[in-house]
PDB file of N, CA and C in Angstrom:
ATOM      1  N   UNK A   1      24.708  16.172   2.971  1.00  0.00           N
ATOM      2  CA  UNK A   1      24.368  15.613   4.282  1.00  0.00           C
ATOM      3  C   UNK A   1      25.549  16.169   5.562  1.00  0.00           C
ATOM      4  N   UNK A   2      24.833  16.766   6.651  1.00  0.00           N
ATOM      5  CA  UNK A   2      26.854  16.518   7.641  1.00  0.00           C
ATOM      6  C   UNK A   2      27.062  15.520   8.526  1.00  0.00           C
ATOM      7  N   UNK A   3      28.018  15.642   8.685  1.00  0.00           N
ATOM      8  CA  UNK A   3      28.245  14.822   9.203  1.00  0.00           C
ATOM      9  C   UNK A   3      27.270  13.834  11.028  1.00  0.00           C
ATOM     10  N   UNK A   4      26.873  14.887  11.702  1.00  0.00           N
ATOM     11  CA  UNK A   4      26.446  14.301  12.465  1.00  0.00           C
ATOM     12  C   UNK A   4      24.450  13.439  12.079  1.00  0.00           C
ATOM     13  N   UNK A   5      24.408  14.040  11.371  1.00  0.00           N
ATOM     14  CA  UNK A   5      23.426  12.690   9.898  1.00  0.00           C
ATOM     15  C   UNK A   5      23.858  12.169   9.538  1.00  0.00           C
ATOM     16  N   UNK A   6      25.254  11.854   8.425  1.00  0.00           N
ATOM     17  CA  UNK A   6      25.403  10.992   8.835  1.00  0.00           C
ATOM     18  C   UNK A   6      25.751   9.815  10.235  1.00  0.00           C
ATOM     19  N   UNK A   7      26.242   9.978  11.188  1.00  0.00           N
ATOM     20  CA  UNK A   7      26.312   9.110  11.926  1.00  0.00           C
ATOM     21  C   UNK A   7      25.074   9.092  12.873  1.00  0.00           C
ATOM     22  N   UNK A   8      24.252  10.076  13.279  1.00  0.00           N
ATOM     23  CA  UNK A   8      22.221   9.229  12.908  1.00  0.00           C
ATOM     24  C   UNK A   8      22.020   8.166  12.344  1.00  0.00           C
ATOM     25  N   UNK A   9      21.902   8.424  11.143  1.00  0.00           N
ATOM     26  CA  UNK A   9      21.576   7.852  10.585  1.00  0.00           C
ATOM     27  C   UNK A   9      22.207   5.853  10.344  1.00  0.00           C
ATOM     28  N   UNK A  10      23.363   6.736  10.387  1.00  0.00           N
ATOM     29  CA  UNK A  10      24.119   4.878  10.429  1.00  0.00           C
ATOM     30  C   UNK A  10      23.717   4.306  11.730  1.00  0.00           C
ATOM     31  N   UNK A  11      23.815   4.701  12.767  1.00  0.00           N
ATOM     32  CA  UNK A  11      23.498   4.548  13.895  1.00  0.00           C
ATOM     33  C   UNK A  11      22.248   3.545  14.325  1.00  0.00           C
ATOM     34  N   UNK A  12      21.062   4.185  13.357  1.00  0.00           N
ATOM     35  CA  UNK A  12      19.784   3.562  13.105  1.00  0.00           C
ATOM     36  C   UNK A  12      19.630   2.709  12.261  1.00  0.00           C
ATOM     37  N   UNK A  13      20.486   2.428  10.759  1.00  0.00           N
ATOM     38  CA  UNK A  13      20.307   1.420  10.415  1.00  0.00           C
ATOM     39  C   UNK A  13      20.908   0.303  11.429  1.00  0.00           C
ATOM     40  N   UNK A  14      22.176   0.555  11.982  1.00  0.00           N
ATOM     41  CA  UNK A  14      22.994  -0.154  13.083  1.00  0.00           C
ATOM     42  C   UNK A  14      22.126  -1.207  13.916  1.00  0.00           C
ATOM     43  N   UNK A  15      21.127  -0.252  14.507  1.00  0.00           N
ATOM     44  CA  UNK A  15      20.078  -0.775  15.253  1.00  0.00           C
ATOM     45  C   UNK A  15      19.314  -1.218  14.668  1.00  0.00           C
ATOM     46  N   UNK A  16      18.706  -1.690  13.650  1.00  0.00           N
ATOM     47  CA  UNK A  16      17.406  -1.983  13.012  1.00  0.00           C
ATOM     48  C   UNK A  16      18.639  -3.272  12.569  1.00  0.00           C
ATOM     49  N   UNK A  17      19.469  -3.346  12.319  1.00  0.00           N
ATOM     50  CA  UNK A  17      20.580  -4.670  12.515  1.00  0.00           C
ATOM     51  C   UNK A  17      19.980  -5.415  13.280  1.00  0.00           C
ATOM     52  N   UNK A  18      20.113  -4.650  14.709  1.00  0.00           N
ATOM     53  CA  UNK A  18      20.659  -5.433  15.701  1.00  0.00           C
ATOM     54  C   UNK A  18      19.449  -6.401  15.384  1.00  0.00           C
ATOM     55  N   UNK A  19      18.143  -5.168  15.714  1.00  0.00           N
ATOM     56  CA  UNK A  19      16.985  -6.009  15.586  1.00  0.00           C
ATOM     57  C   UNK A  19      16.179  -7.813  14.992  1.00  0.00           C
ATOM     58  N   UNK A  20      16.568  -6.814  13.393  1.00  0.00           N
ATOM     59  CA  UNK A  20      16.217  -8.214  12.827  1.00  0.00           C
ATOM     60  C   UNK A  20      16.588  -9.124  13.388  1.00  0.00           C
ATOM     61  N   UNK A  21      18.308  -8.885  13.310  1.00  0.00           N
ATOM     62  CA  UNK A  21      19.471 -10.284  13.820  1.00  0.00           C
ATOM     63  C   UNK A  21      18.924 -11.013  14.806  1.00  0.00           C
ATOM     64  N   UNK A  22      18.235 -10.141  16.079  1.00  0.00           N
ATOM     65  CA  UNK A  22      17.006 -10.526  17.870  1.00  0.00           C
ATOM     66  C   UNK A  22      16.185 -11.741  16.985  1.00  0.00           C
ATOM     67  N   UNK A  23      15.467 -10.789  15.745  1.00  0.00           N
ATOM     68  CA  UNK A  23      14.019 -11.580  15.650  1.00  0.00           C
ATOM     69  C   UNK A  23      14.022 -13.364  15.059  1.00  0.00           C
ATOM     70  N   UNK A  24      15.437 -13.074  13.813  1.00  0.00           N
ATOM     71  CA  UNK A  24      15.897 -14.360  12.858  1.00  0.00           C
ATOM     72  C   UNK A  24      16.570 -15.158  14.255  1.00  0.00           C
ATOM     73  N   UNK A  25      17.391 -14.485  14.982  1.00  0.00           N
ATOM     74  CA  UNK A  25      17.872 -15.602  15.863  1.00  0.00           C
ATOM     75  C   UNK A  25      17.675 -16.222  17.075  1.00  0.00           C
ATOM     76  N   UNK A  26      17.196 -15.704  17.464  1.00  0.00           N
ATOM     77  CA  UNK A  26      16.459 -16.247  18.889  1.00  0.00           C
ATOM     78  C   UNK A  26      17.112 -16.169  20.103  1.00  0.00           C
ATOM     79  N   UNK A  27      16.540 -16.673  20.918  1.00  0.00           N
ATOM     80  CA  UNK A  27      16.917 -15.896  22.331  1.00  0.00           C
ATOM     81  C   UNK A  27      18.525 -16.114  22.797  1.00  0.00           C
ATOM     82  N   UNK A  28      18.969 -17.070  21.979  1.00  0.00           N
ATOM     83  CA  UNK A  28      21.065 -17.008  22.126  1.00  0.00           C
ATOM     84  C   UNK A  28      21.641 -16.556  21.794  1.00  0.00           C
ATOM     85  N   UNK A  29      20.262 -15.432  21.319  1.00  0.00           N
ATOM     86  CA  UNK A  29      22.136 -14.316  20.797  1.00  0.00           C
ATOM     87  C   UNK A  29      21.812 -13.143  20.984  1.00  0.00           C
ATOM     88  N   UNK A  30      20.568 -13.095  21.912  1.00  0.00           N
ATOM     89  CA  UNK A  30      20.237 -11.847  22.792  1.00  0.00           C
ATOM     90  C   UNK A  30      21.389 -11.798  23.816  1.00  0.00           C
ATOM     91  N   UNK A  31      22.604 -12.276  23.782  1.00  0.00           N
ATOM     92  CA  UNK A  31      23.525 -12.304  24.903  1.00  0.00           C
ATOM     93  C   UNK A  31      24.429 -11.921  24.802  1.00  0.00           C
ATOM     94  N   UNK A  32      24.328 -11.455  23.515  1.00  0.00           N
ATOM     95  CA  UNK A  32      25.773 -10.934  22.362  1.00  0.00           C
ATOM     96  C   UNK A  32      24.809  -9.369  21.534  1.00  0.00           C
ATOM     97  N   UNK A  33      23.334  -9.700  20.831  1.00  0.00           N
ATOM     98  CA  UNK A  33      22.815  -8.408  20.449  1.00  0.00           C
ATOM     99  C   UNK A  33      22.702  -7.288  21.486  1.00  0.00           C
ATOM    100  N   UNK A  34      22.106  -7.383  22.976  1.00  0.00           N
ATOM    101  CA  UNK A  34      22.018  -6.403  23.972  1.00  0.00           C
ATOM    102  C   UNK A  34      22.899  -5.845  24.516  1.00  0.00           C
ATOM    103  N   UNK A  35      23.988  -5.355  24.685  1.00  0.00           N
ATOM    104  CA  UNK A  35      25.038  -5.158  24.697  1.00  0.00           C
ATOM    105  C   UNK A  35      25.437  -4.652  23.692  1.00  0.00           C
ATOM    106  N   UNK A  36      25.884  -5.011  22.801  1.00  0.00           N
ATOM    107  CA  UNK A  36      26.077  -4.329  21.472  1.00  0.00           C
ATOM    108  C   UNK A  36      25.369  -3.358  20.982  1.00  0.00           C
ATOM    109  N   UNK A  37      23.499  -3.398  21.204  1.00  0.00           N
ATOM    110  CA  UNK A  37      23.094  -2.310  21.455  1.00  0.00           C
ATOM    111  C   UNK A  37      22.832  -1.021  22.148  1.00  0.00           C
ATOM    112  N   UNK A  38      23.032  -1.987  23.400  1.00  0.00           N
ATOM    113  CA  UNK A  38      23.564  -0.656  24.296  1.00  0.00           C
ATOM    114  C   UNK A  38      23.882   0.110  23.898  1.00  0.00           C
ATOM    115  N   UNK A  39      25.308  -0.576  23.863  1.00  0.00           N
ATOM    116  CA  UNK A  39      26.968   0.481  23.615  1.00  0.00           C
ATOM    117  C   UNK A  39      26.224   1.810  21.866  1.00  0.00           C
ATOM    118  N   UNK A  40      25.487   1.575  21.268  1.00  0.00           N
ATOM    119  CA  UNK A  40      25.540   2.095  19.918  1.00  0.00           C
ATOM    120  C   UNK A  40      24.411   3.284  20.564  1.00  0.00           C
ATOM    121  N   UNK A  41      23.286   2.912  21.506  1.00  0.00           N
ATOM    122  CA  UNK A  41      22.429   3.527  21.907  1.00  0.00           C
ATOM    123  C   UNK A  41      22.776   4.833  22.476  1.00  0.00           C
ATOM    124  N   UNK A  42      23.528   4.195  23.901  1.00  0.00           N
ATOM    125  CA  UNK A  42      24.687   5.332  24.885  1.00  0.00           C
ATOM    126  C   UNK A  42      25.758   5.753  23.428  1.00  0.00           C
ATOM    127  N   UNK A  43      25.803   5.214  23.026  1.00  0.00           N
ATOM    128  CA  UNK A  43      27.375   5.807  22.454  1.00  0.00           C
ATOM    129  C   UNK A  43      26.825   7.443  21.467  1.00  0.00           C
ATOM    130  N   UNK A  44      25.757   6.794  20.637  1.00  0.00           N
ATOM    131  CA  UNK A  44      25.556   8.436  20.120  1.00  0.00           C
ATOM    132  C   UNK A  44      25.185   9.655  20.372  1.00  0.00           C
ATOM    133  N   UNK A  45      24.259   9.624  21.533  1.00  0.00           N
ATOM    134  CA  UNK A  45      23.551  10.291  22.529  1.00  0.00           C
ATOM    135  C   UNK A  45      23.540  11.202  21.815  1.00  0.00           C
ATOM    136  N   UNK A  46      22.756  12.069  21.997  1.00  0.00           N
ATOM    137  CA  UNK A  46      22.074  13.551  21.769  1.00  0.00           C
ATOM    138  C   UNK A  46      22.637  14.107  21.436  1.00  0.00           C
ATOM    139  N   UNK A  47      22.524  14.761  19.672  1.00  0.00           N
ATOM    140  CA  UNK A  47      23.794  15.475  19.247  1.00  0.00           C
ATOM    141  C   UNK A  47      22.476  17.217  18.717  1.00  0.00           C
ATOM    142  N   UNK A  48      21.934  17.192  19.309  1.00  0.00           N
ATOM    143  CA  UNK A  48      21.195  18.088  18.774  1.00  0.00           C
ATOM    144  C   UNK A  48      22.165  19.874  19.347  1.00  0.00           C
ATOM    145  N   UNK A  49      21.598  20.424  18.241  1.00  0.00           N
ATOM    146  CA  UNK A  49      22.458  21.572  17.989  1.00  0.00           C
ATOM    147  C   UNK A  49      23.886  22.029  17.950  1.00  0.00           C
ATOM    148  N   UNK A  50      24.669  20.704  17.194  1.00  0.00           N
ATOM    149  CA  UNK A  50      25.587  21.341  17.461  1.00  0.00           C
ATOM    150  C   UNK A  50      26.567  21.596  16.612  1.00  0.00           C
ATOM    151  N   UNK A  51      25.786  21.649  15.848  1.00  0.00           N
ATOM    152  CA  UNK A  51      25.965  21.814  14.236  1.00  0.00           C
ATOM    153  C   UNK A  51      26.892  23.999  14.119  1.00  0.00           C
ATOM    154  N   UNK A  52      26.447  24.350  12.995  1.00  0.00           N
ATOM    155  CA  UNK A  52      27.411  26.062  12.800  1.00  0.00           C
ATOM    156  C   UNK A  52      26.245  26.942  13.313  1.00  0.00           C
ATOM    157  N   UNK A  53      24.339  26.202  12.641  1.00  0.00           N
ATOM    158  CA  UNK A  53      24.233  27.187  12.671  1.00  0.00           C
ATOM    159  C   UNK A  53      22.933  27.571  14.112  1.00  0.00           C
TER     160      UNK A  53
END
């Protein structure tokens, strides 16, 4: 598995965990979870055609 795939997969799993935490945490945790999710979302960015092939 390439490094780009691992980064994409780990960020996807992290966003899913943040979503589940938002469901169980309620509205009080959204003040922390939304900025964290935005950092992950924009931090990963598009990784199209960055491999050797």
